[in-house]
C-alpha atoms as a PDB file:
ATOM      1  CA  MET A   1      -7.639   4.825 -19.810  1.00  0.00           C
ATOM      2  CA  ALA A   2      -7.589   8.601 -19.042  1.00  0.00           C
ATOM      3  CA  PRO A   3      -7.801   9.228 -15.186  1.00  0.00           C
ATOM      4  CA  SER A   4     -10.171  11.680 -13.546  1.00  0.00           C
ATOM      5  CA  GLU A   5      -8.448  13.734 -10.551  1.00  0.00           C
ATOM      6  CA  SER A   6      -9.664  15.312  -7.375  1.00  0.00           C
ATOM      7  CA  GLY A   7      -7.327  17.522  -5.220  1.00  0.00           C
ATOM      8  CA  GLU A   8      -5.993  21.099  -5.521  1.00  0.00           C
ATOM      9  CA  GLY A   9      -2.413  22.467  -6.151  1.00  0.00           C
ATOM     10  CA  ARG A  10       0.451  21.553  -8.408  1.00  0.00           C
ATOM     11  CA  PRO A  11       3.577  19.756  -7.093  1.00  0.00           C
ATOM     12  CA  THR A  12       6.705  21.772  -6.896  1.00  0.00           C
ATOM     13  CA  ARG A  13       9.853  21.009  -8.812  1.00  0.00           C
ATOM     14  CA  ALA A  14      11.402  19.867  -5.581  1.00  0.00           C
ATOM     15  CA  GLN A  15       8.546  17.400  -4.654  1.00  0.00           C
ATOM     16  CA  LEU A  16       8.690  16.025  -8.374  1.00  0.00           C
ATOM     17  CA  VAL A  17      12.154  15.279  -7.976  1.00  0.00           C
ATOM     18  CA  ARG A  18      11.360  13.272  -4.699  1.00  0.00           C
ATOM     19  CA  ALA A  19       8.777  11.427  -6.116  1.00  0.00           C
ATOM     20  CA  ARG A  20      11.249  10.483  -9.028  1.00  0.00           C
ATOM     21  CA  CYS A  21      13.850   9.043  -6.563  1.00  0.00           C
ATOM     22  CA  TYR A  22      11.215   7.338  -4.520  1.00  0.00           C
ATOM     23  CA  ASP A  23       9.847   5.787  -7.650  1.00  0.00           C
ATOM     24  CA  ARG A  24      13.305   4.504  -8.573  1.00  0.00           C
ATOM     25  CA  LEU A  25      13.926   3.108  -5.016  1.00  0.00           C
ATOM     26  CA  VAL A  26      10.695   1.328  -4.692  1.00  0.00           C
ATOM     27  CA  ARG A  27      10.699  -0.143  -8.349  1.00  0.00           C
ATOM     28  CA  ARG A  28      14.241  -1.679  -7.722  1.00  0.00           C
ATOM     29  CA  ALA A  29      12.306  -4.716  -6.109  1.00  0.00           C
ATOM     30  CA  ASP A  30      10.002  -5.411  -8.959  1.00  0.00           C
ATOM     31  CA  PRO A  31      11.849  -7.735 -11.041  1.00  0.00           C
ATOM     32  CA  HIS A  32      13.475  -9.845  -8.533  1.00  0.00           C
ATOM     33  CA  TRP A  33      10.518 -10.027  -6.095  1.00  0.00           C
ATOM     34  CA  GLU A  34       7.574  -7.827  -5.514  1.00  0.00           C
ATOM     35  CA  GLY A  35       6.566  -7.497  -9.111  1.00  0.00           C
ATOM     36  CA  PRO A  36       5.462 -11.127  -9.345  1.00  0.00           C
ATOM     37  CA  VAL A  37       4.286 -11.445  -5.963  1.00  0.00           C
ATOM     38  CA  ARG A  38       1.953  -8.178  -6.251  1.00  0.00           C
ATOM     39  CA  GLY A  39       0.407  -9.537  -9.713  1.00  0.00           C
ATOM     40  CA  ARG A  40      -0.756 -12.755  -8.163  1.00  0.00           C
ATOM     41  CA  LEU A  41      -2.377 -10.861  -5.233  1.00  0.00           C
ATOM     42  CA  LEU A  42      -3.638  -7.993  -6.773  1.00  0.00           C
ATOM     43  CA  GLY A  43      -4.689  -9.684 -10.161  1.00  0.00           C
ATOM     44  CA  GLY A  44      -8.066 -11.362  -8.899  1.00  0.00           C
ATOM     45  CA  LEU A  45      -9.288  -8.370  -7.441  1.00  0.00           C
ATOM     46  CA  THR A  46     -12.418  -7.223  -8.984  1.00  0.00           C
ATOM     47  CA  GLY A  47     -15.247  -4.618  -8.939  1.00  0.00           C
ATOM     48  CA  ARG A  48     -14.705  -1.129  -7.254  1.00  0.00           C
ATOM     49  CA  VAL A  49     -11.185  -1.302  -5.703  1.00  0.00           C
ATOM     50  CA  LEU A  50      -9.499   1.294  -3.640  1.00  0.00           C
ATOM     51  CA  ASP A  51      -5.573   1.728  -3.911  1.00  0.00           C
ATOM     52  CA  VAL A  52      -4.464   3.164  -0.580  1.00  0.00           C
ATOM     53  CA  GLY A  53      -1.771   5.034  -0.552  1.00  0.00           C
ATOM     54  CA  ALA A  54      -0.966   4.336  -4.200  1.00  0.00           C
ATOM     55  CA  GLY A  55       2.098   6.155  -4.289  1.00  0.00           C
ATOM     56  CA  THR A  56       3.655   6.580  -8.059  1.00  0.00           C
ATOM     57  CA  GLY A  57       1.356   3.942  -9.190  1.00  0.00           C
ATOM     58  CA  LYS A  58       3.356   0.802  -9.557  1.00  0.00           C
ATOM     59  CA  SER A  59       0.037  -1.503  -8.534  1.00  0.00           C
ATOM     60  CA  LEU A  60      -1.988   0.267 -11.491  1.00  0.00           C
ATOM     61  CA  ALA A  61      -1.251  -2.691 -14.125  1.00  0.00           C
ATOM     62  CA  ASP A  62      -1.826  -5.638 -11.726  1.00  0.00           C
ATOM     63  CA  LEU A  63      -5.143  -4.420 -10.938  1.00  0.00           C
ATOM     64  CA  ALA A  64      -6.532  -5.552 -14.605  1.00  0.00           C
ATOM     65  CA  GLY A  65      -9.350  -7.504 -13.197  1.00  0.00           C
ATOM     66  CA  ALA A  66     -11.203  -4.382 -11.501  1.00  0.00           C
ATOM     67  CA  GLY A  67     -13.888  -2.694 -12.581  1.00  0.00           C
ATOM     68  CA  HIS A  68     -13.089   0.670 -11.778  1.00  0.00           C
ATOM     69  CA  VAL A  69      -9.991   1.685  -9.531  1.00  0.00           C
ATOM     70  CA  THR A  70      -9.723   4.836  -6.872  1.00  0.00           C
ATOM     71  CA  ALA A  71      -6.092   5.250  -6.423  1.00  0.00           C
ATOM     72  CA  VAL A  72      -5.625   7.895  -3.477  1.00  0.00           C
ATOM     73  CA  GLU A  73      -2.142   9.212  -2.846  1.00  0.00           C
ATOM     74  CA  PRO A  74      -1.722  12.673  -0.410  1.00  0.00           C
ATOM     75  CA  ALA A  75       1.986  13.527  -1.885  1.00  0.00           C
ATOM     76  CA  PRO A  76       1.640  15.853  -4.421  1.00  0.00           C
ATOM     77  CA  GLY A  77       4.936  14.930  -6.515  1.00  0.00           C
ATOM     78  CA  ARG A  78       3.915  11.102  -5.982  1.00  0.00           C
ATOM     79  CA  ARG A  79       0.352  11.957  -7.207  1.00  0.00           C
ATOM     80  CA  ALA A  80       1.480  13.718 -10.436  1.00  0.00           C
ATOM     81  CA  LEU A  81       3.595  10.675 -11.200  1.00  0.00           C
ATOM     82  CA  LEU A  82       0.365   8.343 -10.330  1.00  0.00           C
ATOM     83  CA  ALA A  83      -1.476  10.697 -12.552  1.00  0.00           C
ATOM     84  CA  GLU A  84       0.461   9.817 -15.570  1.00  0.00           C
ATOM     85  CA  ARG A  85       0.772   5.791 -14.955  1.00  0.00           C
ATOM     86  CA  ALA A  86      -3.400   6.046 -14.627  1.00  0.00           C
ATOM     87  CA  ARG A  87      -3.701   7.012 -18.339  1.00  0.00           C
ATOM     88  CA  ALA A  88      -1.741   4.005 -19.456  1.00  0.00           C
ATOM     89  CA  ALA A  89      -3.865   1.704 -16.746  1.00  0.00           C
ATOM     90  CA  PRO A  90      -5.693  -1.090 -18.341  1.00  0.00           C
ATOM     91  CA  VAL A  91      -8.901   0.002 -16.260  1.00  0.00           C
ATOM     92  CA  PRO A  92     -10.889   3.289 -15.581  1.00  0.00           C
ATOM     93  CA  VAL A  93      -8.544   5.288 -12.587  1.00  0.00           C
ATOM     94  CA  GLU A  94      -9.695   7.908 -10.650  1.00  0.00           C
ATOM     95  CA  VAL A  95      -6.568   9.755  -8.883  1.00  0.00           C
ATOM     96  CA  ALA A  96      -7.357  11.772  -5.653  1.00  0.00           C
ATOM     97  CA  ASP A  97      -5.754  13.371  -3.041  1.00  0.00           C
ATOM     98  CA  ALA A  98      -7.121  11.704   0.051  1.00  0.00           C
ATOM     99  CA  ASP A  99      -5.355  10.730   3.674  1.00  0.00           C
ATOM    100  CA  ALA A 100      -5.728   6.997   4.638  1.00  0.00           C
ATOM    101  CA  GLU A 101      -6.815   7.877   8.041  1.00  0.00           C
ATOM    102  CA  ASP A 102      -9.639   9.718   6.828  1.00  0.00           C
ATOM    103  CA  LEU A 103     -11.261   8.625   3.486  1.00  0.00           C
ATOM    104  CA  PRO A 104     -13.702  10.699   1.752  1.00  0.00           C
ATOM    105  CA  TYR A 105     -15.862   8.100   0.234  1.00  0.00           C
ATOM    106  CA  PRO A 106     -19.185   6.759   2.300  1.00  0.00           C
ATOM    107  CA  ASP A 107     -19.643   3.354   4.109  1.00  0.00           C
ATOM    108  CA  ALA A 108     -19.317   0.112   1.623  1.00  0.00           C
ATOM    109  CA  SER A 109     -18.016   1.888  -1.244  1.00  0.00           C
ATOM    110  CA  PHE A 110     -15.571  -0.814  -2.589  1.00  0.00           C
ATOM    111  CA  ASP A 111     -15.614  -4.201  -2.952  1.00  0.00           C
ATOM    112  CA  ALA A 112     -11.792  -4.488  -2.175  1.00  0.00           C
ATOM    113  CA  VAL A 113      -8.952  -2.510  -1.069  1.00  0.00           C
ATOM    114  CA  CYS A 114      -5.420  -3.073  -1.469  1.00  0.00           C
ATOM    115  CA  CYS A 115      -2.241  -1.937   0.476  1.00  0.00           C
ATOM    116  CA  VAL A 116       1.317  -2.031  -0.434  1.00  0.00           C
ATOM    117  CA  LEU A 117       3.969  -1.031   1.255  1.00  0.00           C
ATOM    118  CA  MET A 118       1.742   1.716   3.053  1.00  0.00           C
ATOM    119  CA  LEU A 119       0.646   0.865   6.658  1.00  0.00           C
ATOM    120  CA  CYS A 120       4.166   1.079   7.554  1.00  0.00           C
ATOM    121  CA  SER A 121       4.079   4.736   6.961  1.00  0.00           C
ATOM    122  CA  VAL A 122       0.688   6.028   8.152  1.00  0.00           C
ATOM    123  CA  GLY A 123       0.505   7.814  11.233  1.00  0.00           C
ATOM    124  CA  ASP A 124      -2.166   6.123  12.875  1.00  0.00           C
ATOM    125  CA  PRO A 125      -2.612   2.583  11.189  1.00  0.00           C
ATOM    126  CA  ALA A 126      -5.381   1.355  13.467  1.00  0.00           C
ATOM    127  CA  ARG A 127      -7.563   4.431  12.553  1.00  0.00           C
ATOM    128  CA  THR A 128      -6.455   3.570   8.726  1.00  0.00           C
ATOM    129  CA  LEU A 129      -7.648  -0.065   8.835  1.00  0.00           C
ATOM    130  CA  ALA A 130     -10.741   1.448  10.942  1.00  0.00           C
ATOM    131  CA  GLU A 131     -11.420   3.645   7.629  1.00  0.00           C
ATOM    132  CA  ILE A 132     -10.434   0.548   5.075  1.00  0.00           C
ATOM    133  CA  ARG A 133     -13.120  -1.402   7.301  1.00  0.00           C
ATOM    134  CA  ARG A 134     -15.507   1.131   7.164  1.00  0.00           C
ATOM    135  CA  VAL A 135     -15.449   1.984   3.078  1.00  0.00           C
ATOM    136  CA  LEU A 136     -15.403  -2.210   2.115  1.00  0.00           C
ATOM    137  CA  VAL A 137     -18.591  -3.937   1.721  1.00  0.00           C
ATOM    138  CA  PRO A 138     -19.322  -6.649   4.149  1.00  0.00           C
ATOM    139  CA  GLY A 139     -17.269  -9.486   3.332  1.00  0.00           C
ATOM    140  CA  GLY A 140     -14.779  -7.463   0.891  1.00  0.00           C
ATOM    141  CA  THR A 141     -11.224  -8.228   0.590  1.00  0.00           C
ATOM    142  CA  LEU A 142      -8.270  -6.183   1.914  1.00  0.00           C
ATOM    143  CA  ALA A 143      -4.781  -7.397  -0.041  1.00  0.00           C
ATOM    144  CA  PHE A 144      -1.677  -6.554   1.637  1.00  0.00           C
ATOM    145  CA  ILE A 145       1.832  -6.336   1.420  1.00  0.00           C
ATOM    146  CA  GLU A 146       3.610  -5.083   4.007  1.00  0.00           C
ATOM    147  CA  HIS A 147       7.334  -5.281   5.971  1.00  0.00           C
ATOM    148  CA  VAL A 148       6.644  -5.781   9.597  1.00  0.00           C
ATOM    149  CA  ARG A 149       8.570  -6.339  12.977  1.00  0.00           C
ATOM    150  CA  GLU A 150      11.061  -9.101  13.377  1.00  0.00           C
ATOM    151  CA  GLU A 151       9.765 -11.233  16.216  1.00  0.00           C
ATOM    152  CA  GLU A 152      12.507 -13.558  16.342  1.00  0.00           C
ATOM    153  CA  PRO A 153      15.635 -12.638  18.453  1.00  0.00           C
ATOM    154  CA  GLY A 154      18.847 -12.829  17.064  1.00  0.00           C
ATOM    155  CA  ALA A 155      21.017 -10.645  14.691  1.00  0.00           C
ATOM    156  CA  ARG A 156      18.077  -9.792  12.197  1.00  0.00           C
ATOM    157  CA  ALA A 157      16.026  -8.051  15.330  1.00  0.00           C
ATOM    158  CA  ARG A 158      19.164  -6.300  16.391  1.00  0.00           C
ATOM    159  CA  VAL A 159      20.111  -4.904  12.709  1.00  0.00           C
ATOM    160  CA  GLN A 160      16.372  -4.196  12.389  1.00  0.00           C
ATOM    161  CA  ARG A 161      16.136  -2.286  15.468  1.00  0.00           C
ATOM    162  CA  ALA A 162      19.396  -0.282  14.851  1.00  0.00           C
ATOM    163  CA  VAL A 163      18.357   0.984  11.264  1.00  0.00           C
ATOM    164  CA  ALA A 164      14.587   1.473  12.138  1.00  0.00           C
ATOM    165  CA  PRO A 165      15.255   5.257  13.405  1.00  0.00           C
ATOM    166  CA  LEU A 166      17.092   6.147  10.112  1.00  0.00           C
ATOM    167  CA  GLN A 167      14.848   4.417   7.852  1.00  0.00           C
ATOM    168  CA  ARG A 168      11.817   6.295   9.451  1.00  0.00           C
ATOM    169  CA  LEU A 169      13.923   9.828   9.081  1.00  0.00           C
ATOM    170  CA  LEU A 170      14.800   9.097   5.329  1.00  0.00           C
ATOM    171  CA  LEU A 171      11.712   7.127   3.827  1.00  0.00           C
ATOM    172  CA  GLY A 172       8.906   7.787   6.616  1.00  0.00           C
ATOM    173  CA  CYS A 173       8.267   4.660   7.427  1.00  0.00           C
ATOM    174  CA  ASP A 174       8.600   2.379  10.599  1.00  0.00           C
ATOM    175  CA  LEU A 175      10.334  -1.017  10.188  1.00  0.00           C
ATOM    176  CA  ARG A 176       8.716  -2.571  13.749  1.00  0.00           C
ATOM    177  CA  ARG A 177       5.145  -2.238  13.300  1.00  0.00           C
ATOM    178  CA  ARG A 178       3.073  -5.593  14.239  1.00  0.00           C
ATOM    179  CA  THR A 179       0.623  -5.023  11.142  1.00  0.00           C
ATOM    180  CA  GLU A 180      -0.862  -8.265  11.068  1.00  0.00           C
ATOM    181  CA  GLU A 181      -2.040  -8.048  14.756  1.00  0.00           C
ATOM    182  CA  ALA A 182      -3.378  -4.727  13.910  1.00  0.00           C
ATOM    183  CA  ILE A 183      -5.561  -6.163  10.572  1.00  0.00           C
ATOM    184  CA  GLY A 184      -6.665  -8.658  13.273  1.00  0.00           C
ATOM    185  CA  ALA A 185      -7.525  -6.009  16.030  1.00  0.00           C
ATOM    186  CA  ALA A 186      -9.643  -4.042  13.376  1.00  0.00           C
ATOM    187  CA  GLY A 187     -12.037  -6.864  13.053  1.00  0.00           C
ATOM    188  CA  PHE A 188     -10.565  -8.458   9.246  1.00  0.00           C
ATOM    189  CA  ALA A 189     -10.391 -12.092   9.225  1.00  0.00           C
ATOM    190  CA  VAL A 190      -7.097 -13.134   7.966  1.00  0.00           C
ATOM    191  CA  GLU A 191      -7.708 -15.745   5.286  1.00  0.00           C
ATOM    192  CA  GLU A 192      -4.478 -16.139   3.576  1.00  0.00           C
ATOM    193  CA  ILE A 193      -0.955 -15.244   5.014  1.00  0.00           C
ATOM    194  CA  THR A 194       2.661 -15.614   3.739  1.00  0.00           C
ATOM    195  CA  ARG A 195       6.043 -14.257   5.893  1.00  0.00           C
ATOM    196  CA  ASN A 196       8.752 -13.914   3.311  1.00  0.00           C
ATOM    197  CA  ARG A 197      12.363 -12.537   3.609  1.00  0.00           C
ATOM    198  CA  PRO A 198      13.405 -12.336  -0.143  1.00  0.00           C
ATOM    199  CA  PHE A 199      16.165  -9.740   0.303  1.00  0.00           C
ATOM    200  CA  GLY A 200      18.951 -11.625   2.227  1.00  0.00           C
ATOM    201  CA  PRO A 201      19.091 -12.862   5.739  1.00  0.00           C
ATOM    202  CA  LEU A 202      19.659  -9.178   7.296  1.00  0.00           C
ATOM    203  CA  ALA A 203      17.772  -6.723   5.018  1.00  0.00           C
ATOM    204  CA  PRO A 204      16.017  -4.701   7.636  1.00  0.00           C
ATOM    205  CA  SER A 205      12.748  -4.353   5.504  1.00  0.00           C
ATOM    206  CA  GLN A 206      11.690  -7.699   6.390  1.00  0.00           C
ATOM    207  CA  PRO A 207      10.157 -10.205   7.183  1.00  0.00           C
ATOM    208  CA  ILE A 208       7.229  -9.135   4.832  1.00  0.00           C
ATOM    209  CA  ILE A 209       3.633 -10.342   5.330  1.00  0.00           C
ATOM    210  CA  VAL A 210       1.637 -11.101   1.972  1.00  0.00           C
ATOM    211  CA  GLY A 211      -2.099 -12.136   2.386  1.00  0.00           C
ATOM    212  CA  ARG A 212      -5.766 -11.206   1.859  1.00  0.00           C
ATOM    213  CA  ALA A 213      -8.440 -10.710   4.863  1.00  0.00           C
ATOM    214  CA  SER A 214     -12.025 -10.153   4.629  1.00  0.00           C
ATOM    215  CA  ALA A 215     -14.051  -7.593   6.649  1.00  0.00           C
ATOM    216  CA  PRO A 216     -16.795  -8.700   8.727  1.00  0.00           C
ATOM    217  CA  ARG A 217     -20.219  -9.488   6.780  1.00  0.00           C
END
């Protein structure tokens, strides 16, 4: 399906290079764990779906059950790759330049929202979740895959704490956010959630929570 696109400006060559490097990095996990998990989580989403922080578009193929997808991504290089992938998506896709903390959509615009490794990188997770709640219809679904703070004391927590500043500097994401608590504090009712450690005992981007929550009715 051909996408429509909003937002001004073409990415620079450097932005495209960084986006392609990012794309190769994040796709390394797909065959081993994230791809199948993402497919199961997002495959059942229907109606109007908002993909927040859609990156380079790795989730688009999993949203085949949606009636229409709006994919928002503020980084120009990633958004350019996202637009390319949107053309091959199984559903109509609108690609937009938008910030997760200030979504340019009316209240109750979407039946479902998906966040895949996105809430770790926004400046204000509480504001982002408030915006997601605002644009969801009452009872709408928030589907999420997010790495979170290691709460169990021991070697895993020490490794994560040591690596966190470098991860923030290089990839722009915070390894130690309490995202499950933030989702609840935003007023969502968590309906299902699992905590996963798929990448070995000391990988710092773990645990990863996978689940669904519903917006208040």
